[in-house]
């Protein structure tokens, strides 16, 4: 990979993230092209936001890099300190995911008795995923590191408020307090506080 990206000469080298600029590279002409979302796909699907449940959405892999344990830790803090608010607003965390460490995180949820609040969902069709975005009240990305952050763009296109950790590239598109919220990574306390702030808006 290092040979292909940094030792071979190209007329143009295209990257989806600026980290490639941080390495010695024989290519001096590196073009940054951000990831994008086809907005028409989202606009074509009409939904109605439910008032029965305050749905907080996570979309991606269940693994350590995505900070799923941090999110579950934040939910546990919310249960212990703000259960009245969670129950009043009927808050549910929907984790739409695929593969990896499912059993580990299910055990964490069960051990902390969070089944009432955390719903694991198997990966779904693209059309139904768009519906999930558009029927959510809040999107959370608690990653330890992030490379492509397309899920943030998908949430934004769906007009869903976004909370992300400061874990690399999300800071390139989220201006804290303007078009989303940024919290410290690996910090369930700060994440829980920001979730409460959003629920109470």
Protein backbone atom coordinates (compact mmCIF):
# COMPACT_ATOMS: atom_id res chain seq x y z
CA UNK A 1 0.00 0.00 0.00
CA UNK A 2 2.81 2.42 0.85
CA UNK A 3 4.50 1.60 -2.44
CA UNK A 4 1.32 2.14 -4.48
CA UNK A 5 0.33 5.37 -2.73
CA UNK A 6 3.66 7.06 -2.07
CA UNK A 7 6.44 5.56 -4.18
CA UNK A 8 4.86 5.30 -7.62
CA UNK A 9 4.53 8.50 -9.65
CA UNK A 10 1.15 9.53 -11.01
CA UNK A 11 -0.07 12.52 -13.01
CA UNK A 12 -2.58 13.09 -10.24
CA UNK A 13 -3.12 11.34 -6.93
CA UNK A 14 -6.64 11.59 -5.53
CA UNK A 15 -7.45 11.10 -1.86
CA UNK A 16 -10.66 11.29 0.18
CA UNK A 17 -8.84 12.57 3.26
CA UNK A 18 -6.05 14.98 4.06
CA UNK A 19 -3.98 12.49 6.11
CA UNK A 20 -2.12 11.47 2.94
CA UNK A 21 -0.50 14.93 2.99
CA UNK A 22 1.29 13.99 6.23
CA UNK A 23 3.62 11.44 4.61
CA UNK A 24 6.67 11.70 2.34
CA UNK A 25 5.31 11.18 -1.13
CA UNK A 26 6.91 11.31 -4.58
CA UNK A 27 3.63 12.74 -5.84
CA UNK A 28 3.42 16.49 -5.34
CA UNK A 29 0.06 16.88 -7.07
CA UNK A 30 -2.40 15.41 -4.58
CA UNK A 31 -6.05 16.31 -5.04
CA UNK A 32 -8.43 16.10 -2.11
CA UNK A 33 -11.96 15.03 -3.07
CA UNK A 34 -14.32 14.77 -0.10
CA UNK A 35 -16.80 11.94 0.21
CA UNK A 36 -20.28 12.83 -0.91
CA UNK A 37 -23.91 11.77 -0.71
CA UNK A 38 -26.47 11.57 -3.48
CA UNK A 39 -29.03 13.98 -2.03
CA UNK A 40 -31.71 13.06 -4.55
CA UNK A 41 -31.91 9.54 -3.09
CA UNK A 42 -32.74 11.03 0.30
CA UNK A 43 -35.12 13.67 -1.03
CA UNK A 44 -37.11 11.04 -2.93
CA UNK A 45 -38.10 9.23 0.28
CA UNK A 46 -40.82 10.89 2.32
CA UNK A 47 -41.23 10.13 6.01
CA UNK A 48 -42.93 11.52 9.09
CA UNK A 49 -41.03 12.00 12.33
CA UNK A 50 -42.70 10.04 15.13
CA UNK A 51 -43.64 11.79 18.35
CA UNK A 52 -43.96 8.47 20.20
CA UNK A 53 -40.22 7.78 20.53
CA UNK A 54 -37.11 9.98 20.66
CA UNK A 55 -34.85 7.89 18.41
CA UNK A 56 -31.09 8.23 18.60
CA UNK A 57 -29.32 6.50 15.72
CA UNK A 58 -25.91 4.86 15.32
CA UNK A 59 -24.97 3.39 11.94
CA UNK A 60 -21.81 1.43 11.21
CA UNK A 61 -19.73 -1.47 12.49
CA UNK A 62 -19.94 -2.80 16.00
CA UNK A 63 -16.28 -2.63 16.94
CA UNK A 64 -13.79 -0.81 19.14
CA UNK A 65 -12.79 1.75 16.51
CA UNK A 66 -16.38 2.95 16.25
CA UNK A 67 -16.57 3.50 20.02
CA UNK A 68 -19.67 1.36 20.56
CA UNK A 69 -18.53 0.66 24.13
CA UNK A 70 -18.32 4.43 24.72
CA UNK A 71 -21.88 4.88 23.48
CA UNK A 72 -23.13 2.05 25.71
CA UNK A 73 -21.24 3.62 28.63
CA UNK A 74 -22.99 6.92 27.92
CA UNK A 75 -26.38 5.18 27.87
CA UNK A 76 -25.59 3.57 31.23
CA UNK A 77 -24.76 6.99 32.69
CA UNK A 78 -28.01 8.37 31.30
CA UNK A 79 -29.96 5.48 32.81
CA UNK A 80 -28.37 6.06 36.21
CA UNK A 81 -28.66 9.85 36.25
CA UNK A 82 -31.45 10.79 33.84
CA UNK A 83 -33.82 7.81 33.73
CA UNK A 84 -36.76 10.17 34.29
CA UNK A 85 -35.85 12.15 31.18
CA UNK A 86 -35.25 8.99 29.12
CA UNK A 87 -38.60 7.54 30.13
CA UNK A 88 -40.52 10.79 29.72
CA UNK A 89 -39.18 11.30 26.19
CA UNK A 90 -39.24 7.54 25.45
CA UNK A 91 -35.63 7.59 24.31
CA UNK A 92 -34.32 4.65 22.30
CA UNK A 93 -30.84 4.10 20.87
CA UNK A 94 -31.03 2.20 17.58
CA UNK A 95 -27.75 0.57 16.54
CA UNK A 96 -27.91 -0.40 12.87
CA UNK A 97 -24.84 -2.45 12.17
CA UNK A 98 -23.20 -5.47 10.62
CA UNK A 99 -20.91 -8.20 11.93
CA UNK A 100 -17.84 -7.96 14.12
CA UNK A 101 -18.31 -7.81 17.89
CA UNK A 102 -22.07 -8.15 18.25
CA UNK A 103 -22.05 -10.59 21.16
CA UNK A 104 -19.60 -8.48 23.16
CA UNK A 105 -21.82 -5.41 22.98
CA UNK A 106 -25.04 -7.32 23.52
CA UNK A 107 -23.47 -8.66 26.72
CA UNK A 108 -22.53 -5.13 27.81
CA UNK A 109 -26.11 -3.99 27.26
CA UNK A 110 -27.56 -7.00 29.08
CA UNK A 111 -25.12 -6.76 32.01
CA UNK A 112 -26.04 -3.09 32.49
CA UNK A 113 -29.76 -3.81 31.97
CA UNK A 114 -30.05 -1.35 29.11
CA UNK A 115 -32.28 -3.46 26.84
CA UNK A 116 -35.12 -1.00 27.36
CA UNK A 117 -33.06 1.76 25.74
CA UNK A 118 -30.67 0.03 23.31
CA UNK A 119 -32.05 -1.76 20.24
CA UNK A 120 -29.69 -3.77 18.03
CA UNK A 121 -30.73 -3.83 14.39
CA UNK A 122 -29.23 -5.97 11.64
CA UNK A 123 -28.11 -4.18 8.49
CA UNK A 124 -31.04 -3.21 6.30
CA UNK A 125 -31.74 -2.20 2.71
CA UNK A 126 -30.48 1.17 1.52
CA UNK A 127 -34.01 2.56 1.13
CA UNK A 128 -34.95 1.48 4.66
CA UNK A 129 -31.69 2.92 6.01
CA UNK A 130 -32.60 6.30 4.54
CA UNK A 131 -35.98 5.99 6.28
CA UNK A 132 -34.19 5.24 9.56
CA UNK A 133 -32.09 8.39 9.19
CA UNK A 134 -35.09 10.53 8.35
CA UNK A 135 -37.16 9.23 11.27
CA UNK A 136 -34.40 9.80 13.85
CA UNK A 137 -34.16 12.72 16.26
CA UNK A 138 -30.39 12.54 16.75
CA UNK A 139 -27.38 10.81 15.19
CA UNK A 140 -24.35 9.82 17.27
CA UNK A 141 -20.91 8.74 16.02
CA UNK A 142 -18.69 7.91 19.04
CA UNK A 143 -15.65 6.74 17.03
CA UNK A 144 -12.08 6.49 18.31
CA UNK A 145 -10.87 7.12 14.76
CA UNK A 146 -12.75 7.94 11.60
CA UNK A 147 -11.69 7.89 7.97
CA UNK A 148 -14.68 8.36 5.69
CA UNK A 149 -17.48 9.82 7.86
CA UNK A 150 -20.10 9.28 5.12
CA UNK A 151 -22.64 8.43 7.84
CA UNK A 152 -22.30 12.01 9.16
CA UNK A 153 -23.14 13.39 5.72
CA UNK A 154 -26.06 10.99 5.40
CA UNK A 155 -27.44 12.19 8.73
CA UNK A 156 -26.95 15.84 7.76
CA UNK A 157 -28.72 15.35 4.43
CA UNK A 158 -31.57 13.77 6.42
CA UNK A 159 -31.69 16.94 8.57
CA UNK A 160 -30.79 15.02 11.72
CA UNK A 161 -28.66 16.75 14.38
CA UNK A 162 -25.23 15.09 14.71
CA UNK A 163 -22.97 14.44 17.68
CA UNK A 164 -19.51 13.12 16.80
CA UNK A 165 -16.30 12.62 18.68
CA UNK A 166 -13.19 14.60 17.80
CA UNK A 167 -11.45 11.68 16.15
CA UNK A 168 -9.90 13.05 12.98
CA UNK A 169 -11.94 13.87 9.94
CA UNK A 170 -15.32 14.76 11.54
CA UNK A 171 -13.71 18.06 12.58
CA UNK A 172 -13.30 18.87 8.89
CA UNK A 173 -17.04 19.06 8.33
CA UNK A 174 -18.56 19.76 11.76
CA UNK A 175 -18.27 23.24 13.21
CA UNK A 176 -19.10 22.69 16.86
CA UNK A 177 -22.42 24.26 17.79
CA UNK A 178 -23.09 25.42 14.23
CA UNK A 179 -23.85 22.38 12.08
CA UNK A 180 -23.34 19.69 14.72
CA UNK A 181 -21.65 18.94 18.00
CA UNK A 182 -18.17 17.63 18.78
CA UNK A 183 -17.19 15.88 22.00
CA UNK A 184 -13.97 14.36 23.27
CA UNK A 185 -13.41 10.77 22.17
CA UNK A 186 -13.43 7.93 24.72
CA UNK A 187 -15.41 10.14 27.09
CA UNK A 188 -18.86 8.68 27.85
CA UNK A 189 -19.53 11.44 30.41
CA UNK A 190 -19.16 14.23 27.85
CA UNK A 191 -21.13 12.28 25.27
CA UNK A 192 -23.96 11.65 27.75
CA UNK A 193 -24.09 15.33 28.69
CA UNK A 194 -24.34 16.41 25.06
CA UNK A 195 -27.07 13.85 24.40
CA UNK A 196 -29.05 15.28 27.33
CA UNK A 197 -28.54 18.80 25.96
CA UNK A 198 -29.97 17.70 22.60
CA UNK A 199 -32.92 15.84 24.13
CA UNK A 200 -33.82 18.92 26.17
CA UNK A 201 -33.69 21.33 23.20
